[in-house]
Amino acid sequence: RGHLDALATQRMLAGLSSARRLTSYDEVELVALLTRDPE
């Protein structure tokens, strides 16, 4: 679960073109859910 959540964090940051260098799933769980469909 931790591995999958880290991958979700990575995908979300890449999809948002974020320059964040260190991010935890706990910080972005809501945003990850909101941005699954970027459009």
PDB file of all heavy atoms in Angstrom:
ATOM      1  N   ARG A   1       0.833  -1.202   0.000  1.00  0.00           N
ATOM      2  CA  ARG A   1       0.000   0.000   0.000  1.00  0.00           C
ATOM      3  C   ARG A   1       0.873   1.260   0.000  1.00  0.00           C
ATOM      4  O   ARG A   1       0.611   2.217  -0.724  1.00  0.00           O
ATOM      5  CB  ARG A   1      -0.908  -0.010   1.242  1.00  0.00           C
ATOM      6  CG  ARG A   1      -1.859   1.148   1.350  1.00  0.00           C
ATOM      7  CD  ARG A   1      -3.043   1.011   0.407  1.00  0.00           C
ATOM      8  NE  ARG A   1      -2.822   1.859  -0.755  1.00  0.00           N
ATOM      9  CZ  ARG A   1      -3.332   1.646  -1.954  1.00  0.00           C
ATOM     10  NH1 ARG A   1      -4.093   0.618  -2.197  1.00  0.00           N
ATOM     11  NH2 ARG A   1      -3.099   2.450  -2.952  1.00  0.00           N
ATOM     12  N   GLY A   2       1.927   1.251   0.826  1.00  0.00           N
ATOM     13  CA  GLY A   2       2.839   2.386   0.859  1.00  0.00           C
ATOM     14  C   GLY A   2       3.511   2.623  -0.478  1.00  0.00           C
ATOM     15  O   GLY A   2       3.659   3.760  -0.931  1.00  0.00           O
ATOM     16  N   HIS A   3       3.904   1.544  -1.130  1.00  0.00           N
ATOM     17  CA  HIS A   3       4.540   1.650  -2.454  1.00  0.00           C
ATOM     18  C   HIS A   3       3.551   2.229  -3.469  1.00  0.00           C
ATOM     19  O   HIS A   3       3.889   3.141  -4.233  1.00  0.00           O
ATOM     20  CB  HIS A   3       5.039   0.278  -2.907  1.00  0.00           C
ATOM     21  CG  HIS A   3       5.565   0.264  -4.295  1.00  0.00           C
ATOM     22  ND1 HIS A   3       6.727   0.917  -4.660  1.00  0.00           N
ATOM     23  CD2 HIS A   3       5.088  -0.309  -5.415  1.00  0.00           C
ATOM     24  CE1 HIS A   3       6.941   0.748  -5.950  1.00  0.00           C
ATOM     25  NE2 HIS A   3       5.962  -0.005  -6.434  1.00  0.00           N
ATOM     26  N   LEU A   4       2.322   1.723  -3.484  1.00  0.00           N
ATOM     27  CA  LEU A   4       1.315   2.223  -4.422  1.00  0.00           C
ATOM     28  C   LEU A   4       0.972   3.683  -4.152  1.00  0.00           C
ATOM     29  O   LEU A   4       0.784   4.469  -5.093  1.00  0.00           O
ATOM     30  CB  LEU A   4       0.057   1.354  -4.359  1.00  0.00           C
ATOM     31  CG  LEU A   4       0.226  -0.080  -4.864  1.00  0.00           C
ATOM     32  CD1 LEU A   4      -1.046  -0.890  -4.608  1.00  0.00           C
ATOM     33  CD2 LEU A   4       0.604  -0.104  -6.331  1.00  0.00           C
ATOM     34  N   ASP A   5       0.912   4.058  -2.885  1.00  0.00           N
ATOM     35  CA  ASP A   5       0.629   5.460  -2.549  1.00  0.00           C
ATOM     36  C   ASP A   5       1.785   6.375  -2.953  1.00  0.00           C
ATOM     37  O   ASP A   5       1.565   7.504  -3.412  1.00  0.00           O
ATOM     38  CB  ASP A   5       0.324   5.607  -1.058  1.00  0.00           C
ATOM     39  CG  ASP A   5      -1.035   4.996  -0.680  1.00  0.00           C
ATOM     40  OD1 ASP A   5      -1.828   4.688  -1.595  1.00  0.00           O
ATOM     41  OD2 ASP A   5      -1.277   4.832   0.525  1.00  0.00           O
ATOM     42  N   ALA A   6       3.018   5.897  -2.808  1.00  0.00           N
ATOM     43  CA  ALA A   6       4.173   6.687  -3.265  1.00  0.00           C
ATOM     44  C   ALA A   6       4.122   6.857  -4.781  1.00  0.00           C
ATOM     45  O   ALA A   6       4.415   7.944  -5.298  1.00  0.00           O
ATOM     46  CB  ALA A   6       5.471   6.019  -2.837  1.00  0.00           C
ATOM     47  N   LEU A   7       3.746   5.813  -5.496  1.00  0.00           N
ATOM     48  CA  LEU A   7       3.606   5.917  -6.960  1.00  0.00           C
ATOM     49  C   LEU A   7       2.498   6.902  -7.335  1.00  0.00           C
ATOM     50  O   LEU A   7       2.650   7.675  -8.292  1.00  0.00           O
ATOM     51  CB  LEU A   7       3.327   4.548  -7.573  1.00  0.00           C
ATOM     52  CG  LEU A   7       4.482   3.561  -7.570  1.00  0.00           C
ATOM     53  CD1 LEU A   7       4.016   2.201  -8.083  1.00  0.00           C
ATOM     54  CD2 LEU A   7       5.643   4.075  -8.412  1.00  0.00           C
ATOM     55  N   ALA A   8       1.388   6.886  -6.605  1.00  0.00           N
ATOM     56  CA  ALA A   8       0.299   7.837  -6.860  1.00  0.00           C
ATOM     57  C   ALA A   8       0.784   9.268  -6.643  1.00  0.00           C
ATOM     58  O   ALA A   8       0.451  10.177  -7.410  1.00  0.00           O
ATOM     59  CB  ALA A   8      -0.896   7.526  -5.966  1.00  0.00           C
ATOM     60  N   THR A   9       1.590   9.465  -5.605  1.00  0.00           N
ATOM     61  CA  THR A   9       2.166  10.790  -5.329  1.00  0.00           C
ATOM     62  C   THR A   9       3.056  11.219  -6.481  1.00  0.00           C
ATOM     63  O   THR A   9       2.964  12.354  -6.972  1.00  0.00           O
ATOM     64  CB  THR A   9       2.967  10.752  -4.008  1.00  0.00           C
ATOM     65  OG1 THR A   9       2.099  10.341  -2.965  1.00  0.00           O
ATOM     66  CG2 THR A   9       3.568  12.105  -3.684  1.00  0.00           C
ATOM     67  N   GLN A  10       3.903  10.316  -6.942  1.00  0.00           N
ATOM     68  CA  GLN A  10       4.812  10.606  -8.056  1.00  0.00           C
ATOM     69  C   GLN A  10       4.025  10.969  -9.322  1.00  0.00           C
ATOM     70  O   GLN A  10       4.334  11.953  -9.989  1.00  0.00           O
ATOM     71  CB  GLN A  10       5.691   9.391  -8.301  1.00  0.00           C
ATOM     72  CG  GLN A  10       6.677   9.557  -9.431  1.00  0.00           C
ATOM     73  CD  GLN A  10       7.412   8.248  -9.721  1.00  0.00           C
ATOM     74  OE1 GLN A  10       6.891   7.160  -9.495  1.00  0.00           O
ATOM     75  NE2 GLN A  10       8.622   8.376 -10.218  1.00  0.00           N
ATOM     76  N   ARG A  11       2.999  10.190  -9.645  1.00  0.00           N
ATOM     77  CA  ARG A  11       2.181  10.462 -10.842  1.00  0.00           C
ATOM     78  C   ARG A  11       1.477  11.813 -10.733  1.00  0.00           C
ATOM     79  O   ARG A  11       1.412  12.572 -11.696  1.00  0.00           O
ATOM     80  CB  ARG A  11       1.144   9.358 -11.038  1.00  0.00           C
ATOM     81  CG  ARG A  11       1.661   8.132 -11.731  1.00  0.00           C
ATOM     82  CD  ARG A  11       0.523   7.200 -12.154  1.00  0.00           C
ATOM     83  NE  ARG A  11      -0.366   6.857 -11.056  1.00  0.00           N
ATOM     84  CZ  ARG A  11      -0.164   5.850 -10.208  1.00  0.00           C
ATOM     85  NH1 ARG A  11       0.896   5.080 -10.338  1.00  0.00           N
ATOM     86  NH2 ARG A  11      -1.026   5.614  -9.240  1.00  0.00           N
ATOM     87  N   MET A  12       0.937  12.107  -9.553  1.00  0.00           N
ATOM     88  CA  MET A  12       0.236  13.363  -9.363  1.00  0.00           C
ATOM     89  C   MET A  12       1.173  14.547  -9.566  1.00  0.00           C
ATOM     90  O   MET A  12       0.854  15.487 -10.281  1.00  0.00           O
ATOM     91  CB  MET A  12      -0.383  13.427  -7.966  1.00  0.00           C
ATOM     92  CG  MET A  12      -1.244  14.663  -7.759  1.00  0.00           C
ATOM     93  SD  MET A  12      -1.173  15.335  -6.103  1.00  0.00           S
ATOM     94  CE  MET A  12       0.425  16.043  -6.015  1.00  0.00           C
ATOM     95  N   LEU A  13       2.358  14.488  -8.980  1.00  0.00           N
ATOM     96  CA  LEU A  13       3.320  15.585  -9.118  1.00  0.00           C
ATOM     97  C   LEU A  13       3.761  15.750 -10.565  1.00  0.00           C
ATOM     98  O   LEU A  13       3.894  16.874 -11.053  1.00  0.00           O
ATOM     99  CB  LEU A  13       4.513  15.361  -8.201  1.00  0.00           C
ATOM    100  CG  LEU A  13       4.203  15.448  -6.706  1.00  0.00           C
ATOM    101  CD1 LEU A  13       5.415  15.012  -5.889  1.00  0.00           C
ATOM    102  CD2 LEU A  13       3.765  16.840  -6.319  1.00  0.00           C
ATOM    103  N   ALA A  14       3.973  14.630 -11.253  1.00  0.00           N
ATOM    104  CA  ALA A  14       4.364  14.702 -12.665  1.00  0.00           C
ATOM    105  C   ALA A  14       3.227  15.279 -13.497  1.00  0.00           C
ATOM    106  O   ALA A  14       3.451  16.114 -14.377  1.00  0.00           O
ATOM    107  CB  ALA A  14       4.756  13.322 -13.170  1.00  0.00           C
ATOM    108  N   GLY A  15       1.998  14.860 -13.221  1.00  0.00           N
ATOM    109  CA  GLY A  15       0.845  15.351 -13.967  1.00  0.00           C
ATOM    110  C   GLY A  15       0.594  16.836 -13.767  1.00  0.00           C
ATOM    111  O   GLY A  15       0.093  17.514 -14.653  1.00  0.00           O
ATOM    112  N   LEU A  16       0.951  17.348 -12.600  1.00  0.00           N
ATOM    113  CA  LEU A  16       0.781  18.776 -12.304  1.00  0.00           C
ATOM    114  C   LEU A  16       2.023  19.588 -12.663  1.00  0.00           C
ATOM    115  O   LEU A  16       2.049  20.791 -12.441  1.00  0.00           O
ATOM    116  CB  LEU A  16       0.456  18.976 -10.823  1.00  0.00           C
ATOM    117  CG  LEU A  16      -0.878  18.427 -10.334  1.00  0.00           C
ATOM    118  CD1 LEU A  16      -1.011  18.606  -8.831  1.00  0.00           C
ATOM    119  CD2 LEU A  16      -2.042  19.079 -11.054  1.00  0.00           C
ATOM    120  N   SER A  17       3.041  18.918 -13.178  1.00  0.00           N
ATOM    121  CA  SER A  17       4.322  19.562 -13.500  1.00  0.00           C
ATOM    122  C   SER A  17       4.876  20.297 -12.284  1.00  0.00           C
ATOM    123  O   SER A  17       5.414  21.393 -12.403  1.00  0.00           O
ATOM    124  CB  SER A  17       4.169  20.527 -14.678  1.00  0.00           C
ATOM    125  OG  SER A  17       3.738  19.838 -15.817  1.00  0.00           O
ATOM    126  N   SER A  18       4.727  19.686 -11.127  1.00  0.00           N
ATOM    127  CA  SER A  18       5.203  20.298  -9.890  1.00  0.00           C
ATOM    128  C   SER A  18       6.713  20.162  -9.773  1.00  0.00           C
ATOM    129  O   SER A  18       7.292  19.156 -10.173  1.00  0.00           O
ATOM    130  CB  SER A  18       4.541  19.611  -8.686  1.00  0.00           C
ATOM    131  OG  SER A  18       5.046  20.148  -7.490  1.00  0.00           O
ATOM    132  N   ALA A  19       7.337  21.174  -9.211  1.00  0.00           N
ATOM    133  CA  ALA A  19       8.778  21.142  -8.984  1.00  0.00           C
ATOM    134  C   ALA A  19       9.109  20.717  -7.557  1.00  0.00           C
ATOM    135  O   ALA A  19      10.254  20.801  -7.129  1.00  0.00           O
ATOM    136  CB  ALA A  19       9.378  22.522  -9.258  1.00  0.00           C
ATOM    137  N   ARG A  20       8.123  20.261  -6.814  1.00  0.00           N
ATOM    138  CA  ARG A  20       8.359  19.825  -5.440  1.00  0.00           C
ATOM    139  C   ARG A  20       9.395  18.716  -5.437  1.00  0.00           C
ATOM    140  O   ARG A  20       9.355  17.805  -6.243  1.00  0.00           O
ATOM    141  CB  ARG A  20       7.074  19.307  -4.796  1.00  0.00           C
ATOM    142  CG  ARG A  20       5.926  20.271  -4.843  1.00  0.00           C
ATOM    143  CD  ARG A  20       6.027  21.285  -3.771  1.00  0.00           C
ATOM    144  NE  ARG A  20       4.972  22.270  -3.991  1.00  0.00           N
ATOM    145  CZ  ARG A  20       4.635  23.166  -3.131  1.00  0.00           C
ATOM    146  NH1 ARG A  20       5.260  23.238  -1.996  1.00  0.00           N
ATOM    147  NH2 ARG A  20       3.698  24.030  -3.396  1.00  0.00           N
ATOM    148  N   ARG A  21      10.304  18.773  -4.495  1.00  0.00           N
ATOM    149  CA  ARG A  21      11.396  17.805  -4.447  1.00  0.00           C
ATOM    150  C   ARG A  21      11.129  16.673  -3.480  1.00  0.00           C
ATOM    151  O   ARG A  21      11.649  15.591  -3.624  1.00  0.00           O
ATOM    152  CB  ARG A  21      12.702  18.510  -4.058  1.00  0.00           C
ATOM    153  CG  ARG A  21      13.022  19.729  -4.913  1.00  0.00           C
ATOM    154  CD  ARG A  21      14.072  19.607  -5.957  1.00  0.00           C
ATOM    155  NE  ARG A  21      15.044  18.595  -5.862  1.00  0.00           N
ATOM    156  CZ  ARG A  21      16.246  18.719  -5.302  1.00  0.00           C
ATOM    157  NH1 ARG A  21      16.614  19.839  -4.737  1.00  0.00           N
ATOM    158  NH2 ARG A  21      17.092  17.722  -5.313  1.00  0.00           N
ATOM    159  N   LEU A  22      10.341  16.940  -2.427  1.00  0.00           N
ATOM    160  CA  LEU A  22      10.031  15.925  -1.427  1.00  0.00           C
ATOM    161  C   LEU A  22       8.559  16.067  -1.053  1.00  0.00           C
ATOM    162  O   LEU A  22       8.120  17.132  -0.625  1.00  0.00           O
ATOM    163  CB  LEU A  22      10.891  16.109  -0.176  1.00  0.00           C
ATOM    164  CG  LEU A  22      10.565  15.208   1.014  1.00  0.00           C
ATOM    165  CD1 LEU A  22      10.842  13.749   0.673  1.00  0.00           C
ATOM    166  CD2 LEU A  22      11.377  15.625   2.231  1.00  0.00           C
ATOM    167  N   THR A  23       7.807  14.994  -1.259  1.00  0.00           N
ATOM    168  CA  THR A  23       6.379  15.031  -0.995  1.00  0.00           C
ATOM    169  C   THR A  23       5.933  13.699  -0.430  1.00  0.00           C
ATOM    170  O   THR A  23       6.370  12.650  -0.887  1.00  0.00           O
ATOM    171  CB  THR A  23       5.594  15.307  -2.301  1.00  0.00           C
ATOM    172  OG1 THR A  23       6.117  16.474  -2.920  1.00  0.00           O
ATOM    173  CG2 THR A  23       4.125  15.506  -2.025  1.00  0.00           C
ATOM    174  N   SER A  24       5.039  13.749   0.535  1.00  0.00           N
ATOM    175  CA  SER A  24       4.481  12.512   1.074  1.00  0.00           C
ATOM    176  C   SER A  24       3.024  12.391   0.663  1.00  0.00           C
ATOM    177  O   SER A  24       2.325  13.392   0.455  1.00  0.00           O
ATOM    178  CB  SER A  24       4.600  12.475   2.599  1.00  0.00           C
ATOM    179  OG  SER A  24       3.671  13.355   3.183  1.00  0.00           O
ATOM    180  N   TYR A  25       2.582  11.162   0.556  1.00  0.00           N
ATOM    181  CA  TYR A  25       1.193  10.885   0.183  1.00  0.00           C
ATOM    182  C   TYR A  25       0.229  11.530   1.169  1.00  0.00           C
ATOM    183  O   TYR A  25      -0.822  12.029   0.775  1.00  0.00           O
ATOM    184  CB  TYR A  25       0.966   9.377   0.104  1.00  0.00           C
ATOM    185  CG  TYR A  25      -0.407   9.005  -0.406  1.00  0.00           C
ATOM    186  CD1 TYR A  25      -0.729   9.186  -1.746  1.00  0.00           C
ATOM    187  CD2 TYR A  25      -1.375   8.484   0.440  1.00  0.00           C
ATOM    188  CE1 TYR A  25      -1.983   8.852  -2.226  1.00  0.00           C
ATOM    189  CE2 TYR A  25      -2.629   8.147  -0.033  1.00  0.00           C
ATOM    190  CZ  TYR A  25      -2.932   8.331  -1.366  1.00  0.00           C
ATOM    191  OH  TYR A  25      -4.166   8.000  -1.844  1.00  0.00           O
ATOM    192  N   ASP A  26       0.594  11.547   2.435  1.00  0.00           N
ATOM    193  CA  ASP A  26      -0.268  12.162   3.446  1.00  0.00           C
ATOM    194  C   ASP A  26      -0.547  13.629   3.126  1.00  0.00           C
ATOM    195  O   ASP A  26      -1.630  14.132   3.410  1.00  0.00           O
ATOM    196  CB  ASP A  26       0.365  12.066   4.837  1.00  0.00           C
ATOM    197  CG  ASP A  26       0.476  10.633   5.324  1.00  0.00           C
ATOM    198  OD1 ASP A  26      -0.278   9.768   4.835  1.00  0.00           O
ATOM    199  OD2 ASP A  26       1.328  10.370   6.184  1.00  0.00           O
ATOM    200  N   GLU A  27       0.413  14.313   2.532  1.00  0.00           N
ATOM    201  CA  GLU A  27       0.249  15.731   2.201  1.00  0.00           C
ATOM    202  C   GLU A  27      -0.661  15.938   0.999  1.00  0.00           C
ATOM    203  O   GLU A  27      -1.285  16.990   0.882  1.00  0.00           O
ATOM    204  CB  GLU A  27       1.601  16.362   1.856  1.00  0.00           C
ATOM    205  CG  GLU A  27       2.577  16.448   2.980  1.00  0.00           C
ATOM    206  CD  GLU A  27       3.925  16.966   2.493  1.00  0.00           C
ATOM    207  OE1 GLU A  27       4.577  16.276   1.682  1.00  0.00           O
ATOM    208  OE2 GLU A  27       4.295  18.066   2.934  1.00  0.00           O
ATOM    209  N   VAL A  28      -0.709  14.962   0.090  1.00  0.00           N
ATOM    210  CA  VAL A  28      -1.356  15.191  -1.203  1.00  0.00           C
ATOM    211  C   VAL A  28      -2.506  14.248  -1.518  1.00  0.00           C
ATOM    212  O   VAL A  28      -3.007  14.249  -2.633  1.00  0.00           O
ATOM    213  CB  VAL A  28      -0.321  15.126  -2.344  1.00  0.00           C
ATOM    214  CG1 VAL A  28       0.749  16.189  -2.191  1.00  0.00           C
ATOM    215  CG2 VAL A  28       0.278  13.742  -2.462  1.00  0.00           C
ATOM    216  N   GLU A  29      -2.942  13.461  -0.569  1.00  0.00           N
ATOM    217  CA  GLU A  29      -3.972  12.461  -0.862  1.00  0.00           C
ATOM    218  C   GLU A  29      -5.213  13.081  -1.501  1.00  0.00           C
ATOM    219  O   GLU A  29      -5.721  12.585  -2.516  1.00  0.00           O
ATOM    220  CB  GLU A  29      -4.350  11.699   0.405  1.00  0.00           C
ATOM    221  CG  GLU A  29      -5.309  10.556   0.147  1.00  0.00           C
ATOM    222  CD  GLU A  29      -5.538   9.704   1.375  1.00  0.00           C
ATOM    223  OE1 GLU A  29      -5.136  10.092   2.488  1.00  0.00           O
ATOM    224  OE2 GLU A  29      -6.122   8.628   1.207  1.00  0.00           O
ATOM    225  N   LEU A  30      -5.724  14.174  -0.934  1.00  0.00           N
ATOM    226  CA  LEU A  30      -6.906  14.819  -1.503  1.00  0.00           C
ATOM    227  C   LEU A  30      -6.632  15.324  -2.916  1.00  0.00           C
ATOM    228  O   LEU A  30      -7.425  15.109  -3.837  1.00  0.00           O
ATOM    229  CB  LEU A  30      -7.372  15.977  -0.611  1.00  0.00           C
ATOM    230  CG  LEU A  30      -8.519  16.813  -1.164  1.00  0.00           C
ATOM    231  CD1 LEU A  30      -9.784  15.963  -1.300  1.00  0.00           C
ATOM    232  CD2 LEU A  30      -8.783  18.011  -0.272  1.00  0.00           C
ATOM    233  N   VAL A  31      -5.489  15.978  -3.113  1.00  0.00           N
ATOM    234  CA  VAL A  31      -5.154  16.513  -4.437  1.00  0.00           C
ATOM    235  C   VAL A  31      -4.966  15.369  -5.436  1.00  0.00           C
ATOM    236  O   VAL A  31      -5.374  15.472  -6.593  1.00  0.00           O
ATOM    237  CB  VAL A  31      -3.909  17.420  -4.366  1.00  0.00           C
ATOM    238  CG1 VAL A  31      -3.512  17.912  -5.747  1.00  0.00           C
ATOM    239  CG2 VAL A  31      -4.178  18.595  -3.447  1.00  0.00           C
ATOM    240  N   ALA A  32      -4.381  14.270  -4.996  1.00  0.00           N
ATOM    241  CA  ALA A  32      -4.222  13.106  -5.879  1.00  0.00           C
ATOM    242  C   ALA A  32      -5.585  12.602  -6.345  1.00  0.00           C
ATOM    243  O   ALA A  32      -5.766  12.263  -7.518  1.00  0.00           O
ATOM    244  CB  ALA A  32      -3.442  12.003  -5.171  1.00  0.00           C
ATOM    245  N   LEU A  33      -6.538  12.559  -5.435  1.00  0.00           N
ATOM    246  CA  LEU A  33      -7.886  12.142  -5.814  1.00  0.00           C
ATOM    247  C   LEU A  33      -8.534  13.132  -6.776  1.00  0.00           C
ATOM    248  O   LEU A  33      -9.171  12.750  -7.757  1.00  0.00           O
ATOM    249  CB  LEU A  33      -8.757  11.988  -4.566  1.00  0.00           C
ATOM    250  CG  LEU A  33      -8.429  10.826  -3.653  1.00  0.00           C
ATOM    251  CD1 LEU A  33      -9.200  10.945  -2.346  1.00  0.00           C
ATOM    252  CD2 LEU A  33      -8.720   9.498  -4.328  1.00  0.00           C
ATOM    253  N   LEU A  34      -8.355  14.413  -6.496  1.00  0.00           N
ATOM    254  CA  LEU A  34      -8.968  15.450  -7.330  1.00  0.00           C
ATOM    255  C   LEU A  34      -8.371  15.530  -8.727  1.00  0.00           C
ATOM    256  O   LEU A  34      -9.038  15.962  -9.666  1.00  0.00           O
ATOM    257  CB  LEU A  34      -8.817  16.819  -6.662  1.00  0.00           C
ATOM    258  CG  LEU A  34      -9.664  17.082  -5.437  1.00  0.00           C
ATOM    259  CD1 LEU A  34      -9.245  18.390  -4.780  1.00  0.00           C
ATOM    260  CD2 LEU A  34     -11.136  17.120  -5.804  1.00  0.00           C
ATOM    261  N   THR A  35      -7.112  15.152  -8.871  1.00  0.00           N
ATOM    262  CA  THR A  35      -6.423  15.345 -10.155  1.00  0.00           C
ATOM    263  C   THR A  35      -6.250  14.054 -10.962  1.00  0.00           C
ATOM    264  O   THR A  35      -5.501  14.043 -11.927  1.00  0.00           O
ATOM    265  CB  THR A  35      -5.049  16.012  -9.931  1.00  0.00           C
ATOM    266  OG1 THR A  35      -4.261  15.184  -9.070  1.00  0.00           O
ATOM    267  CG2 THR A  35      -5.197  17.405  -9.342  1.00  0.00           C
ATOM    268  N   ARG A  36      -6.931  12.998 -10.571  1.00  0.00           N
ATOM    269  CA  ARG A  36      -6.840  11.759 -11.369  1.00  0.00           C
ATOM    270  C   ARG A  36      -7.277  12.006 -12.807  1.00  0.00           C
ATOM    271  O   ARG A  36      -6.780  11.381 -13.721  1.00  0.00           O
ATOM    272  CB  ARG A  36      -7.679  10.659 -10.743  1.00  0.00           C
ATOM    273  CG  ARG A  36      -6.965   9.997  -9.611  1.00  0.00           C
ATOM    274  CD  ARG A  36      -7.603   8.708  -9.227  1.00  0.00           C
ATOM    275  NE  ARG A  36      -6.823   8.112  -8.162  1.00  0.00           N
ATOM    276  CZ  ARG A  36      -7.314   7.336  -7.231  1.00  0.00           C
ATOM    277  NH1 ARG A  36      -8.594   7.033  -7.243  1.00  0.00           N
ATOM    278  NH2 ARG A  36      -6.538   6.847  -6.305  1.00  0.00           N
ATOM    279  N   ASP A  37      -8.236  12.890 -12.985  1.00  0.00           N
ATOM    280  CA  ASP A  37      -8.669  13.310 -14.317  1.00  0.00           C
ATOM    281  C   ASP A  37      -8.254  14.777 -14.448  1.00  0.00           C
ATOM    282  O   ASP A  37      -8.975  15.681 -14.015  1.00  0.00           O
ATOM    283  CB  ASP A  37     -10.179  13.147 -14.455  1.00  0.00           C
ATOM    284  CG  ASP A  37     -10.720  13.632 -15.787  1.00  0.00           C
ATOM    285  OD1 ASP A  37      -9.962  14.248 -16.571  1.00  0.00           O
ATOM    286  OD2 ASP A  37     -11.909  13.406 -16.043  1.00  0.00           O
ATOM    287  N   PRO A  38      -7.061  15.025 -15.009  1.00  0.00           N
ATOM    288  CA  PRO A  38      -6.529  16.402 -15.040  1.00  0.00           C
ATOM    289  C   PRO A  38      -7.446  17.415 -15.712  1.00  0.00           C
ATOM    290  O   PRO A  38      -7.552  18.556 -15.247  1.00  0.00           O
ATOM    291  CB  PRO A  38      -5.215  16.261 -15.814  1.00  0.00           C
ATOM    292  CG  PRO A  38      -4.851  14.822 -15.696  1.00  0.00           C
ATOM    293  CD  PRO A  38      -6.142  14.067 -15.601  1.00  0.00           C
ATOM    294  N   GLU A  39      -8.120  17.017 -16.769  1.00  0.00           N
ATOM    295  CA  GLU A  39      -9.013  17.940 -17.472  1.00  0.00           C
ATOM    296  C   GLU A  39     -10.175  18.361 -16.561  1.00  0.00           C
ATOM    297  O   GLU A  39     -10.529  19.537 -16.480  1.00  0.00           O
ATOM    298  CB  GLU A  39      -9.555  17.253 -18.733  1.00  0.00           C
ATOM    299  CG  GLU A  39      -9.951  18.203 -19.826  1.00  0.00           C
ATOM    300  CD  GLU A  39     -10.290  17.436 -21.085  1.00  0.00           C
ATOM    301  OE1 GLU A  39      -9.413  16.721 -21.619  1.00  0.00           O
ATOM    302  OE2 GLU A  39     -11.456  17.562 -21.525  1.00  0.00           O
TER     303      GLU A  39
END
